């Protein structure tokens, strides 16, 4: 489990196809000293398992299913990625409950830059619209955010300077794709009521 509070940005140094899957290697000297083989790390909101550690970098295998359902397969060498280690059971849950299980891909429609924050509007896949609620939580590329507006086709969020500076969302432009994870509580409530 994760919180959606990005610990660091890393750099993708290797993306190698392996059959229908891939191997990712991410340079992340800020978090690798505390990583161990088998640890979970959210990379742009996708939960991956550390399979190798080498000089400030970690590697992870990515299944074909993950490549189909996320933006990881579209990353190029040198791309910046959001990173978060799994939350410890005795740690604070500062964002919201994030599983690292991407529900779909959104696309930035518009960005309005302000003095103190930026307002972003993302396209929302129709099958996910029912899980979005104004003032509810959403994870975008692994970043826990509050939904500021929502319709059946899109939703808005506002990014404060810390989020703009410390995550990849500061550089997202219109047309860019992002990983979306909807609030897990909404999904469980729907299932229980069905």
Foldseek 3Di string as FASTA:
>chain_A
DAQQAFPAKWFWADWADDPLKTKTKTQAQPPLVPDDFQWWKQWQLATFGFHDDDDRMTMTIGHNVRVVFFCPVVDDGGDITTIDTHDDPPDDNPFADRDNDFPHKKFWADWADDPFKIKTKIFDPQVCQQLADQQFWKRKRSHIFGWHAGDSTITMTIGGPCCLPGGCVVPHDGGDMITIDGHVVSVVVVVVVD
